Protein backbone atom coordinates (compact mmCIF):
# COMPACT_ATOMS: atom_id res chain seq x y z
CA MET A 1 41.81 94.65 101.32
CA PRO A 2 39.61 95.02 98.17
CA LYS A 3 40.00 92.32 95.59
CA LYS A 4 42.54 93.42 93.08
CA THR A 5 42.36 92.52 89.39
CA TRP A 6 45.78 91.53 87.86
CA ASP A 7 46.83 91.98 84.14
CA LYS A 8 49.16 88.63 83.67
CA THR A 9 49.41 89.29 79.65
CA THR A 10 53.11 89.88 80.37
CA LEU A 11 53.63 87.82 83.58
CA PRO A 12 55.34 84.44 83.14
CA SER A 13 52.64 82.63 84.90
CA ARG A 14 50.28 83.45 81.78
CA HIS A 15 51.66 80.67 80.11
CA VAL A 16 49.88 78.19 82.46
CA THR A 17 46.91 80.15 83.76
CA MET A 18 45.59 81.99 80.47
CA GLY A 19 43.55 80.76 77.82
CA PRO A 20 41.56 77.83 76.45
CA ALA A 21 44.56 75.97 75.74
CA ARG A 22 45.60 75.69 79.24
CA ALA A 23 42.72 74.39 80.72
CA PRO A 24 44.89 70.90 81.44
CA HIS A 25 47.16 73.16 83.86
CA ARG A 26 44.24 74.95 85.53
CA SER A 27 42.78 71.70 86.38
CA TYR A 28 45.71 70.74 88.25
CA TYR A 29 45.53 73.85 90.24
CA TYR A 30 41.95 73.23 91.36
CA ALA A 31 42.99 69.68 92.60
CA MET A 32 45.25 71.59 94.89
CA GLY A 33 42.02 73.69 96.42
CA MET A 34 42.83 76.95 94.39
CA THR A 35 40.07 79.20 93.10
CA GLU A 36 39.65 81.02 89.99
CA GLU A 37 40.77 84.09 91.90
CA ASP A 38 43.79 82.50 92.81
CA ILE A 39 44.60 81.18 89.67
CA ALA A 40 43.89 84.74 88.14
CA GLN A 41 46.44 86.18 90.67
CA PRO A 42 50.53 86.36 90.03
CA PHE A 43 52.20 83.58 91.12
CA VAL A 44 54.94 83.88 93.29
CA GLY A 45 57.58 81.31 94.20
CA VAL A 46 58.47 80.97 98.08
CA ALA A 47 61.68 78.96 97.79
CA THR A 48 63.12 77.74 101.35
CA CYS A 49 66.19 75.46 102.01
CA TRP A 50 64.31 74.15 105.05
CA ASN A 51 65.81 70.76 106.14
CA GLU A 52 66.81 68.76 109.35
CA ALA A 53 70.32 68.92 108.80
CA ALA A 54 71.19 71.30 111.31
CA PRO A 55 69.55 74.26 113.32
CA CYS A 56 70.26 77.29 110.62
CA ASN A 57 67.64 75.46 108.35
CA ILE A 58 65.23 74.21 110.87
CA ALA A 59 63.17 77.43 111.09
CA LEU A 60 62.49 78.17 107.67
CA SER A 61 59.20 76.18 106.55
CA ARG A 62 57.81 77.89 109.74
CA GLN A 63 59.14 81.40 108.60
CA ALA A 64 57.57 80.54 104.94
CA GLN A 65 54.36 80.28 106.01
CA ALA A 66 54.64 83.93 107.27
CA VAL A 67 55.56 84.85 103.76
CA LYS A 68 52.71 83.04 102.21
CA LEU A 69 50.45 85.08 104.54
CA GLY A 70 52.03 88.58 103.38
CA VAL A 71 51.82 87.41 99.60
CA LYS A 72 48.10 86.25 99.75
CA ALA A 73 47.11 89.76 101.84
CA ALA A 74 48.77 91.64 99.01
CA HIS A 75 46.70 89.61 96.43
CA GLY A 76 49.14 87.33 95.11
CA THR A 77 49.33 83.03 94.91
CA PRO A 78 52.24 81.61 96.69
CA ARG A 79 53.47 78.39 95.58
CA GLU A 80 56.00 76.91 98.45
CA PHE A 81 59.39 74.72 97.51
CA THR A 82 62.18 73.59 98.77
CA THR A 83 65.67 73.02 97.54
CA ILE A 84 68.69 71.27 99.08
CA THR A 85 71.63 72.92 101.61
CA VAL A 86 74.43 71.59 102.44
CA THR A 87 75.09 72.85 106.31
CA ASP A 88 78.67 73.68 106.52
CA GLY A 89 79.09 72.90 110.51
CA ILE A 90 78.12 69.41 109.69
CA ALA A 91 79.86 69.00 106.50
CA MET A 92 83.22 70.92 108.32
CA GLY A 93 86.47 68.60 108.44
CA HIS A 94 85.76 65.63 106.34
CA GLU A 95 85.19 64.92 102.85
CA GLY A 96 81.31 66.10 103.08
CA MET A 97 82.63 69.99 103.06
CA ARG A 98 83.69 68.95 99.14
CA SER A 99 79.27 69.51 98.72
CA SER A 100 79.48 73.22 100.39
CA LEU A 101 80.58 75.38 97.57
CA ALA A 102 79.02 72.91 94.88
CA SER A 103 75.56 73.41 96.76
CA ARG A 104 75.55 77.20 96.12
CA ASP A 105 75.53 76.85 92.42
CA ALA A 106 73.10 73.69 93.01
CA ILE A 107 70.64 75.86 94.93
CA ALA A 108 70.59 78.64 92.32
CA ASP A 109 70.11 76.00 89.46
CA THR A 110 67.34 74.28 91.36
CA VAL A 111 65.29 77.64 92.10
CA GLU A 112 65.82 78.63 88.46
CA LEU A 113 64.93 75.29 87.16
CA THR A 114 61.54 75.27 89.60
CA MET A 115 60.45 78.68 88.70
CA ARG A 116 61.45 78.16 84.62
CA GLY A 117 59.00 74.77 84.70
CA HIS A 118 56.08 76.51 86.52
CA CYS A 119 56.19 79.90 85.24
CA TYR A 120 56.11 81.90 88.46
CA ASP A 121 56.08 85.61 88.50
CA ALA A 122 58.44 86.50 91.18
CA LEU A 123 60.20 85.08 94.12
CA VAL A 124 60.61 84.98 97.86
CA GLY A 125 63.70 83.06 98.90
CA LEU A 126 64.35 81.93 102.47
CA ALA A 127 67.81 80.70 103.45
CA GLY A 128 69.89 80.00 106.81
CA CYS A 129 73.09 78.80 106.21
CA ASP A 130 76.23 79.63 104.45
CA LYS A 131 76.13 78.89 100.96
CA SER A 132 72.18 78.84 100.69
CA LEU A 133 72.18 82.62 101.18
CA PRO A 134 74.28 83.43 98.11
CA GLY A 135 72.67 80.67 96.07
CA MET A 136 69.04 82.49 96.78
CA MET A 137 70.38 85.66 95.43
CA MET A 138 72.54 83.99 92.67
CA ALA A 139 69.00 82.56 91.37
CA MET A 140 66.92 86.03 91.83
CA VAL A 141 69.54 87.67 89.82
CA ARG A 142 69.78 85.36 87.32
CA LEU A 143 66.05 84.85 86.53
CA ASN A 144 65.69 88.66 86.95
CA VAL A 145 62.06 88.56 88.29
CA PRO A 146 60.70 90.72 91.40
CA SER A 147 62.46 89.52 94.32
CA VAL A 148 62.83 89.60 97.75
CA PHE A 149 65.41 87.79 100.06
CA ILE A 150 65.17 86.70 103.98
CA TYR A 151 67.27 85.43 106.22
CA GLY A 152 66.40 82.55 108.50
CA GLY A 153 68.15 84.31 111.37
CA SER A 154 71.18 83.80 113.76
CA ILE A 155 71.39 81.31 116.62
CA MET A 156 71.32 82.62 119.86
CA PRO A 157 74.68 82.18 121.88
CA GLY A 158 75.16 79.69 124.15
CA LYS A 159 76.29 80.13 127.95
CA PHE A 160 79.43 78.35 129.40
CA GLN A 161 81.17 79.24 132.42
CA GLY A 162 79.47 82.55 132.43
CA ARG A 163 80.23 83.68 129.01
CA ASP A 164 78.76 83.90 125.37
CA VAL A 165 79.98 80.77 123.35
CA THR A 166 79.28 79.59 119.79
CA VAL A 167 80.30 76.77 117.78
CA GLN A 168 83.49 78.50 116.88
CA ASP A 169 84.29 77.95 120.73
CA VAL A 170 83.64 74.02 120.29
CA PHE A 171 85.86 73.84 116.95
CA GLU A 172 88.66 75.53 119.06
CA ALA A 173 87.67 73.43 122.23
CA VAL A 174 88.84 70.34 120.37
CA GLY A 175 92.15 71.71 119.48
CA ARG A 176 93.23 72.29 123.31
CA HIS A 177 91.62 69.01 123.89
CA GLN A 178 93.93 67.42 121.26
CA ALA A 179 96.74 69.69 123.68
CA GLY A 180 95.35 67.95 127.25
CA GLN A 181 94.14 71.37 127.96
CA ASN A 182 90.67 70.57 128.90
CA SER A 183 89.04 67.08 129.84
CA ASP A 184 86.53 64.98 128.01
CA GLU A 185 83.91 65.94 130.54
CA GLU A 186 84.61 69.95 129.75
CA LEU A 187 84.21 69.37 125.80
CA THR A 188 81.13 67.36 126.53
CA ALA A 189 79.82 70.32 129.01
CA LEU A 190 80.78 72.63 126.20
CA GLU A 191 79.28 71.20 123.25
CA LYS A 192 75.51 70.74 125.07
CA VAL A 193 75.30 74.53 125.37
CA ALA A 194 76.96 75.93 122.90
CA CYS A 195 73.88 76.04 119.95
CA PRO A 196 71.10 76.25 122.41
CA SER A 197 68.35 77.45 119.69
CA ALA A 198 67.73 77.32 115.71
CA GLY A 199 69.07 79.62 113.67
CA ALA A 200 72.79 80.26 111.92
CA CYS A 201 75.93 80.51 113.42
CA GLY A 202 76.07 83.38 115.75
CA GLY A 203 79.29 85.30 114.71
CA GLN A 204 80.29 87.39 111.81
CA PHE A 205 80.96 84.02 110.20
CA THR A 206 79.52 83.27 106.34
CA ALA A 207 75.71 83.02 107.07
CA ASN A 208 75.50 86.26 108.98
CA THR A 209 77.80 88.00 106.58
CA MET A 210 75.80 87.14 103.69
CA ALA A 211 72.44 88.29 105.63
CA CYS A 212 74.14 91.39 105.90
CA VAL A 213 74.93 91.70 102.28
CA SER A 214 71.53 90.95 101.46
CA GLU A 215 70.55 94.16 103.23
CA ALA A 216 73.34 96.29 101.57
CA ILE A 217 72.75 95.25 98.13
CA GLY A 218 68.96 95.91 98.51
CA LEU A 219 67.45 92.60 98.23
CA ALA A 220 66.41 92.30 101.82
CA LEU A 221 63.71 94.49 103.84
CA PRO A 222 65.82 97.03 106.21
CA ASN A 223 66.83 95.07 109.56
CA SER A 224 65.28 91.79 108.17
CA ALA A 225 68.69 90.08 108.60
CA GLY A 226 69.29 90.75 112.11
CA ALA A 227 66.37 89.28 114.14
CA PRO A 228 67.69 85.99 115.55
CA ALA A 229 65.53 82.55 114.38
CA PRO A 230 64.00 82.23 117.55
CA TYR A 231 62.27 85.79 117.47
CA GLU A 232 58.83 85.93 116.62
CA SER A 233 59.62 89.30 114.90
CA ARG A 234 60.82 86.87 112.15
CA ASP A 235 57.13 86.11 111.23
CA ALA A 236 56.16 89.81 110.62
CA TYR A 237 59.46 90.11 108.68
CA GLY A 238 58.38 87.26 106.62
CA GLN A 239 54.75 88.54 106.07
CA ALA A 240 56.26 91.96 104.97
CA SER A 241 58.63 90.34 102.86
CA GLY A 242 55.36 88.61 101.13
CA GLU A 243 53.48 91.81 100.98
CA ALA A 244 56.74 93.98 99.35
CA VAL A 245 57.39 91.19 96.58
CA MET A 246 53.72 92.05 95.22
CA ALA A 247 54.61 95.85 95.32
CA LEU A 248 57.58 94.95 93.36
CA ILE A 249 55.57 92.99 90.89
CA GLU A 250 53.13 96.00 90.59
CA LYS A 251 56.08 98.42 89.94
CA ASN A 252 58.16 95.99 87.56
CA ILE A 253 61.14 96.04 89.77
CA ARG A 254 63.34 93.48 89.29
CA ALA A 255 66.28 91.89 90.97
CA ARG A 256 68.84 93.48 88.25
CA ASP A 257 67.24 96.82 88.98
CA ILE A 258 68.61 96.50 92.59
CA VAL A 259 71.88 94.63 91.91
CA THR A 260 74.21 97.04 90.11
CA ARG A 261 77.93 97.64 90.38
CA LYS A 262 76.98 100.29 93.12
CA SER A 263 75.08 98.23 95.03
CA LEU A 264 77.71 95.14 95.10
CA GLU A 265 80.28 98.08 96.54
CA ASN A 266 77.85 98.78 99.10
CA ALA A 267 77.73 94.86 99.85
CA ALA A 268 81.25 95.18 100.13
CA ARG A 269 81.63 97.96 102.51
CA ILE A 270 79.08 95.87 104.84
CA VAL A 271 81.49 93.04 104.89
CA ALA A 272 84.63 94.81 105.56
CA CYS A 273 83.10 97.19 108.56
CA THR A 274 81.69 94.30 110.15
CA GLY A 275 84.86 92.02 109.79
CA GLY A 276 82.81 89.86 107.75
CA SER A 277 83.72 86.38 106.24
CA THR A 278 86.50 86.20 103.59
CA ASN A 279 83.79 83.93 101.62
CA ALA A 280 82.00 87.15 100.81
CA GLY A 281 84.95 87.53 98.19
CA LEU A 282 83.79 84.42 96.39
CA HIS A 283 80.19 85.14 96.62
CA LEU A 284 79.94 88.79 95.44
CA PRO A 285 81.58 87.96 92.38
CA ALA A 286 79.41 85.11 91.73
CA ILE A 287 76.31 87.68 92.42
CA ALA A 288 77.63 90.17 89.91
CA HIS A 289 78.28 87.49 87.22
CA GLU A 290 74.78 86.51 87.18
CA ALA A 291 73.84 90.25 86.23
CA GLY A 292 76.51 90.65 84.04
CA ILE A 293 78.59 92.80 85.91
CA ASP A 294 82.26 92.95 86.06
CA PHE A 295 83.45 92.50 89.94
CA ASP A 296 86.04 90.05 90.81
CA LEU A 297 87.84 89.26 93.71
CA PHE A 298 90.41 92.40 93.10
CA ASP A 299 87.23 94.93 92.84
CA VAL A 300 86.04 93.55 96.42
CA CYS A 301 89.31 93.73 97.67
CA ASP A 302 89.90 97.64 96.76
CA ILE A 303 86.72 98.01 98.66
CA PHE A 304 88.06 96.39 101.47
CA ARG A 305 91.12 98.26 101.62
CA ASP A 306 89.47 101.77 102.26
CA THR A 307 86.75 100.73 104.43
CA PRO A 308 87.28 101.26 108.23
CA TYR A 309 86.59 98.33 110.65
CA PHE A 310 84.14 99.71 113.05
CA VAL A 311 81.62 96.82 114.24
CA ASP A 312 83.11 94.31 116.83
CA LEU A 313 81.83 91.15 116.47
CA LYS A 314 83.27 87.19 116.72
CA PRO A 315 85.41 86.11 115.62
CA GLY A 316 87.89 88.70 115.69
CA GLY A 317 86.10 90.63 118.18
CA LYS A 318 83.56 90.27 121.18
CA TYR A 319 79.85 90.00 120.49
CA VAL A 320 77.50 88.04 118.35
CA ALA A 321 74.69 88.73 115.89
CA VAL A 322 71.98 89.51 118.26
CA ASP A 323 74.10 91.99 119.92
CA MET A 324 74.50 93.74 116.94
CA TYR A 325 70.76 93.47 116.05
CA GLU A 326 69.82 95.12 119.49
CA ALA A 327 72.44 97.97 118.78
CA GLY A 328 70.52 98.81 115.73
CA GLY A 329 71.49 95.91 113.23
CA VAL A 330 72.81 96.83 109.41
CA PRO A 331 70.61 100.06 109.14
CA VAL A 332 73.10 101.87 111.90
CA VAL A 333 75.90 100.48 110.02
CA MET A 334 74.92 101.66 106.85
CA LYS A 335 74.06 105.07 108.44
CA GLU A 336 77.86 105.27 109.87
CA LEU A 337 79.10 104.25 106.51
CA ARG A 338 77.26 107.12 105.12
CA LYS A 339 78.70 109.68 107.45
CA ALA A 340 81.94 108.26 106.15
CA GLY A 341 80.79 109.20 102.81
CA LEU A 342 81.11 105.20 101.66
CA ILE A 343 77.81 104.47 100.69
CA HIS A 344 75.85 104.79 97.10
CA GLU A 345 72.61 106.13 98.37
CA ASP A 346 71.01 106.12 95.15
CA CYS A 347 70.59 102.45 94.98
CA LEU A 348 67.13 101.16 94.65
CA THR A 349 65.63 98.63 97.50
CA VAL A 350 62.93 96.14 97.78
CA THR A 351 61.21 98.82 99.73
CA GLY A 352 60.87 100.78 96.48
CA ARG A 353 62.70 103.47 98.14
CA THR A 354 66.82 104.37 97.82
CA ILE A 355 69.23 102.94 100.26
CA GLY A 356 69.54 107.02 101.38
CA GLU A 357 66.04 106.99 102.04
CA GLU A 358 66.06 104.11 103.95
CA ILE A 359 68.71 105.44 105.86
CA ASP A 360 66.75 108.64 106.36
CA LEU A 361 64.43 106.70 108.33
CA ILE A 362 67.10 105.69 110.81
CA GLU A 363 67.05 107.64 114.07
CA ARG A 364 69.42 105.70 116.02
CA GLU A 365 73.15 106.09 116.48
CA ALA A 366 76.07 103.67 116.43
CA ASP A 367 76.51 102.52 120.46
CA GLY A 368 80.15 102.77 120.92
CA ARG A 369 80.05 99.28 122.39
CA VAL A 370 79.01 96.65 119.52
CA ILE A 371 78.68 99.65 116.47
CA TYR A 372 81.73 101.85 117.00
CA PRO A 373 81.34 105.21 114.95
CA ALA A 374 82.95 105.14 111.68
CA SER A 375 84.82 108.18 112.63
CA ALA A 376 86.39 106.16 115.52
CA PRO A 377 86.54 102.77 114.06
CA LEU A 378 88.58 99.83 115.48
CA SER A 379 90.88 100.07 112.84
CA LYS A 380 91.07 102.06 109.71
CA THR A 381 91.50 99.17 107.13
CA GLY A 382 88.55 96.90 106.34
CA GLY A 383 88.61 93.37 108.71
CA VAL A 384 89.01 91.66 105.38
CA VAL A 385 92.41 92.20 102.95
CA GLY A 386 92.82 91.04 99.59
CA LEU A 387 96.46 90.19 98.61
CA LYS A 388 98.68 89.50 95.29
CA GLY A 389 101.90 88.75 94.32
CA ASN A 390 104.13 85.84 92.59
CA LEU A 391 102.48 83.24 94.81
CA ALA A 392 99.21 84.48 94.07
CA PRO A 393 98.82 86.30 90.58
CA GLU A 394 95.14 85.90 90.63
CA GLY A 395 94.81 86.94 93.93
CA ALA A 396 94.07 85.25 97.54
CA ILE A 397 92.38 86.94 100.76
CA VAL A 398 92.72 87.01 104.34
CA LYS A 399 90.52 88.26 107.59
CA VAL A 400 92.61 90.53 109.87
CA ALA A 401 90.01 91.57 111.78
CA GLY A 402 90.79 91.56 115.66
CA MET A 403 94.38 91.33 114.65
CA SER A 404 97.20 93.99 115.47
CA ARG A 405 99.34 95.78 112.79
CA GLU A 406 102.68 93.98 113.89
CA GLU A 407 100.44 90.47 113.39
CA GLN A 408 99.49 91.14 109.97
CA VAL A 409 103.18 90.38 108.39
CA PHE A 410 104.59 87.01 108.48
CA THR A 411 107.62 85.56 106.81
CA GLY A 412 108.45 81.98 107.25
CA PRO A 413 109.54 78.47 105.77
CA ALA A 414 106.68 76.72 103.73
CA ARG A 415 105.55 73.24 105.20
CA ILE A 416 103.47 71.81 102.27
CA PHE A 417 100.62 69.34 102.90
CA GLU A 418 98.73 67.98 99.46
CA CYS A 419 95.59 68.01 101.50
CA GLU A 420 93.54 69.15 104.42
CA GLU A 421 93.65 65.83 105.71
CA ASP A 422 97.15 65.50 105.98
CA ALA A 423 97.58 69.01 107.42
CA PHE A 424 95.04 68.11 110.40
CA GLU A 425 96.86 65.19 111.17
CA ALA A 426 99.60 67.07 111.43
CA VAL A 427 98.36 69.47 113.30
CA LYS A 428 96.69 67.26 115.69
CA SER A 429 100.22 65.45 116.73
CA ARG A 430 101.98 68.55 116.91
CA GLN A 431 104.21 68.02 113.96
CA TYR A 432 104.80 71.30 112.53
CA LYS A 433 107.31 74.50 114.09
CA GLU A 434 106.73 77.47 115.00
CA GLY A 435 107.03 80.19 112.55
CA GLU A 436 106.19 78.15 109.66
CA VAL A 437 103.77 78.66 107.11
CA LEU A 438 101.58 75.63 106.64
CA VAL A 439 100.60 75.39 103.05
CA ILE A 440 97.44 73.10 102.03
CA ARG A 441 97.01 72.86 98.10
CA ASN A 442 94.86 70.76 95.55
CA GLU A 443 91.99 72.21 97.67
CA GLY A 444 90.74 74.41 94.94
CA PRO A 445 87.26 74.65 93.07
CA ALA A 446 88.18 72.22 90.69
CA GLY A 447 91.09 70.22 92.41
CA GLY A 448 89.65 69.33 95.65
CA PRO A 449 86.98 69.27 94.27
CA GLY A 450 84.86 71.71 95.85
CA MET A 451 86.99 74.02 97.86
CA ARG A 452 86.81 72.95 101.02
CA GLU A 453 86.98 74.94 104.04
CA MET A 454 89.91 74.53 106.91
CA LEU A 455 87.88 75.46 109.85
CA ALA A 456 88.81 72.07 111.65
CA THR A 457 92.59 72.80 111.00
CA THR A 458 92.71 76.29 111.94
CA ALA A 459 90.65 75.66 115.01
CA ALA A 460 92.95 73.09 116.47
CA LEU A 461 95.71 75.37 116.03
CA SER A 462 94.20 78.36 117.55
CA GLY A 463 92.98 75.79 120.50
CA GLN A 464 96.62 74.40 120.88
CA GLY A 465 97.41 78.38 121.20
CA MET A 466 99.62 78.26 118.07
CA GLY A 467 97.13 80.44 115.84
CA LYS A 468 99.52 83.64 115.85
CA LYS A 469 102.72 81.47 116.00
CA VAL A 470 102.50 80.15 112.62
CA ALA A 471 100.41 81.02 109.16
CA LEU A 472 98.54 79.05 106.90
CA ILE A 473 97.59 79.28 102.89
CA THR A 474 95.47 77.66 100.61
CA ASP A 475 93.60 77.59 97.27
CA GLY A 476 90.59 76.40 99.34
CA ARG A 477 88.69 78.45 101.80
CA PHE A 478 88.22 79.21 105.16
CA SER A 479 85.40 79.31 107.63
CA GLY A 480 83.98 82.65 108.55
CA ALA A 481 84.81 81.61 111.88
CA THR A 482 88.25 81.03 111.27
CA ARG A 483 90.80 83.00 113.03
CA GLY A 484 94.57 83.47 112.95
CA PHE A 485 96.79 84.38 109.73
CA CYS A 486 95.20 82.57 107.34
CA VAL A 487 95.09 83.10 103.83
CA GLY A 488 92.59 81.50 101.44
CA HIS A 489 91.59 81.61 97.88
CA VAL A 490 95.24 81.45 96.49
CA GLY A 491 94.80 81.61 92.52
CA PRO A 492 95.33 80.18 90.36
CA GLU A 493 94.73 77.02 92.12
CA ALA A 494 97.20 73.81 92.15
CA ALA A 495 95.01 72.10 90.05
CA HIS A 496 95.86 74.56 87.42
CA ALA A 497 99.29 74.64 87.70
CA GLY A 498 99.32 77.69 90.01
CA PRO A 499 102.52 78.76 92.04
CA ILE A 500 101.01 77.31 95.01
CA GLY A 501 100.84 73.72 93.26
CA LEU A 502 104.71 74.45 92.49
CA ILE A 503 106.54 75.59 95.98
CA ARG A 504 108.40 73.10 97.82
CA ASP A 505 109.08 72.36 101.41
CA GLY A 506 111.54 75.23 102.86
CA ASP A 507 110.67 78.18 100.38
CA MET A 508 110.34 81.49 101.68
CA ILE A 509 106.75 82.83 102.19
CA THR A 510 106.02 86.03 102.91
CA ILE A 511 102.41 87.53 103.82
CA ASP A 512 102.03 91.00 104.25
CA ALA A 513 98.52 92.25 104.84
CA ILE A 514 99.25 95.85 105.27
CA ARG A 515 101.13 96.11 101.80
CA GLY A 516 98.48 93.48 100.07
CA GLU A 517 101.31 91.22 99.39
CA LEU A 518 101.60 86.85 99.23
CA SER A 519 105.11 86.25 97.81
CA VAL A 520 107.47 83.37 97.79
CA ASP A 521 111.40 83.74 97.35
CA VAL A 522 111.69 81.67 94.45
CA PRO A 523 113.28 83.45 91.27
CA ASP A 524 110.60 83.60 88.20
CA GLU A 525 113.04 81.30 86.32
CA GLU A 526 113.26 78.26 88.66
CA MET A 527 109.26 78.54 89.11
CA ALA A 528 109.23 78.61 85.33
CA GLU A 529 111.72 75.20 85.27
CA ARG A 530 109.48 74.00 88.05
CA LYS A 531 106.20 74.46 86.27
CA LYS A 532 108.02 72.24 83.14
CA THR A 533 108.39 69.39 85.41
CA TRP A 534 105.05 69.81 87.04
CA ALA A 535 103.47 66.15 87.08
CA GLY A 536 100.17 67.51 86.41
CA PRO A 537 96.88 67.52 88.89
CA ARG A 538 96.87 65.39 91.63
CA PRO A 539 94.73 62.45 90.95
CA THR A 540 91.14 62.43 92.44
CA VAL A 541 88.60 59.47 93.41
CA TYR A 542 85.94 61.77 92.53
CA THR A 543 85.51 60.59 88.68
CA SER A 544 81.73 60.26 88.61
CA GLY A 545 78.63 61.94 89.62
CA ALA A 546 77.99 65.62 91.15
CA LEU A 547 81.41 66.55 92.07
CA TRP A 548 83.06 65.39 89.16
CA LYS A 549 80.72 67.52 87.05
CA TYR A 550 81.13 70.47 89.18
CA ALA A 551 85.01 70.07 88.61
CA GLN A 552 84.94 70.11 84.79
CA ILE A 553 83.17 73.26 84.68
CA VAL A 554 83.79 75.18 87.58
CA GLY A 555 86.05 78.53 87.15
CA GLY A 556 88.50 80.14 89.54
CA ALA A 557 88.09 81.71 92.52
CA ARG A 558 88.78 85.47 91.22
CA LEU A 559 85.65 85.34 89.49
CA GLY A 560 83.52 83.80 92.24
CA ALA A 561 84.03 80.11 91.40
CA VAL A 562 80.75 80.08 88.98
CA THR A 563 79.87 77.59 86.97
CA HIS A 564 78.16 78.91 83.48
CA PRO A 565 78.55 82.09 81.49
CA GLY A 566 75.96 84.32 83.65
CA ALA A 567 74.26 87.33 82.09
CA ARG A 568 77.00 88.23 79.45
CA GLY A 569 76.57 84.64 77.71
CA GLU A 570 72.21 84.74 78.16
CA SER A 571 70.33 85.70 74.78
CA HIS A 572 67.01 85.03 77.00
CA VAL A 573 66.19 86.34 80.01
CA TYR A 574 63.51 83.95 82.20
CA ALA A 575 61.45 87.32 83.32
CA ASP A 576 61.03 88.29 79.46
CA GLN A 577 59.57 84.98 78.24
């Protein structure tokens, strides 16, 4: 390609590259082998969440090199940097999970600080595990620079006794082991084959759910979410993403031009029709918050309610991410949503074209095996449902993908646990009864702190064959791999004197996912009296450090558990500096 001359007089990098006063800054760039031509080009931050914590992150550094090649090919100067990530699969089932949701906001904060500190003009963000995907997208919208998101890709399924398995199967096998239904040797054999490659968990858990969101919301190139991490095609998507961000700089298309109320609704559709993770009900409002858009849990759930569920993915269904990719991926799913009249086609994407124009290019059709026609769905209602009632005035959320209509209503007496550890021990020792509603409280964003996921407990219940015989509610969260009648995000949380903190053993709780209700059979007057004698938040041992700080500033789940005022409170946008 011929050389290109850029006008950087309106780009952030002018503050570190232009004029005599920036000679010291340029000297640092020469020290890193950059040329005058490099310095005169736009600076593109290439941010990854690479680390050696888990397979979901391990391929990101290599993929970043492909992105940098794309930036260079389109006459930009890539500047690679890394940020943290906390991998839920490793953090699950112990106090490490308190760090997970807090890491989402730390990722957004650190990407913002790196971009601001070095005056980068655009951002390509690579992420692989649950909270790193929304964290990276939040940073893009917060900074409002030309941005392209790229997913690191899913893991390949393992093979065990002739069937596909994922890490979900290992968690559930722990429950069967506790129940004496499999041996030490069987558990060991499964754990060694369940995760055979780099990449994020293979079902439609949180990582793959948010990867689908990245395409549907317009921040990622079409079909880039689907290719598994080991596929060499991921490098091609990386290079194309680098080239795409340079085109966005030239056209001055920024993140908030792409992330709009309509595109958020498109994103919620993709979660619902794929039976995605309930965590999307937390992350979509948080992304909206960065753009100053009102879009809370109730808005998300309104979309879920009238979206058919037609993609048969684990944990509620049969297939994994690579199967959906081979069936045509997100573009084919979006095409089916359009046929049902459920897509805003005028939303802009990082290609510079609209969602409708992108769908026009898709020739493939639903295969009827992994992706069903939207006109013949697995169920008429989305795989995720919002709840509200006197036990959850600020809402709650439950995944019903794979559940029959009869299984979506449950009434039973409450069995109260003050933290996840107490619940897990009770489940492990079978100290609960069929028909009960297990209540795990003090696990909300502030009360936890950190709003832990409860996969160890729910997987143990499923492994014991009790996933459909009890229900579970919490002011914490559930993994995207959770199955069974499990209600999360109950708000207000117990630490804020929400009703979940006031109920008692034996109170009759009704969960009705068909009507969208979560209620407890306690009169309002009685609940008011209990609130008067409430002893206050459960004492915490987290009295300093990052988790203390997080607990002081985090908001409720309905608005995305956010930690700052968002775009509504800003008087200065980084991209306009």
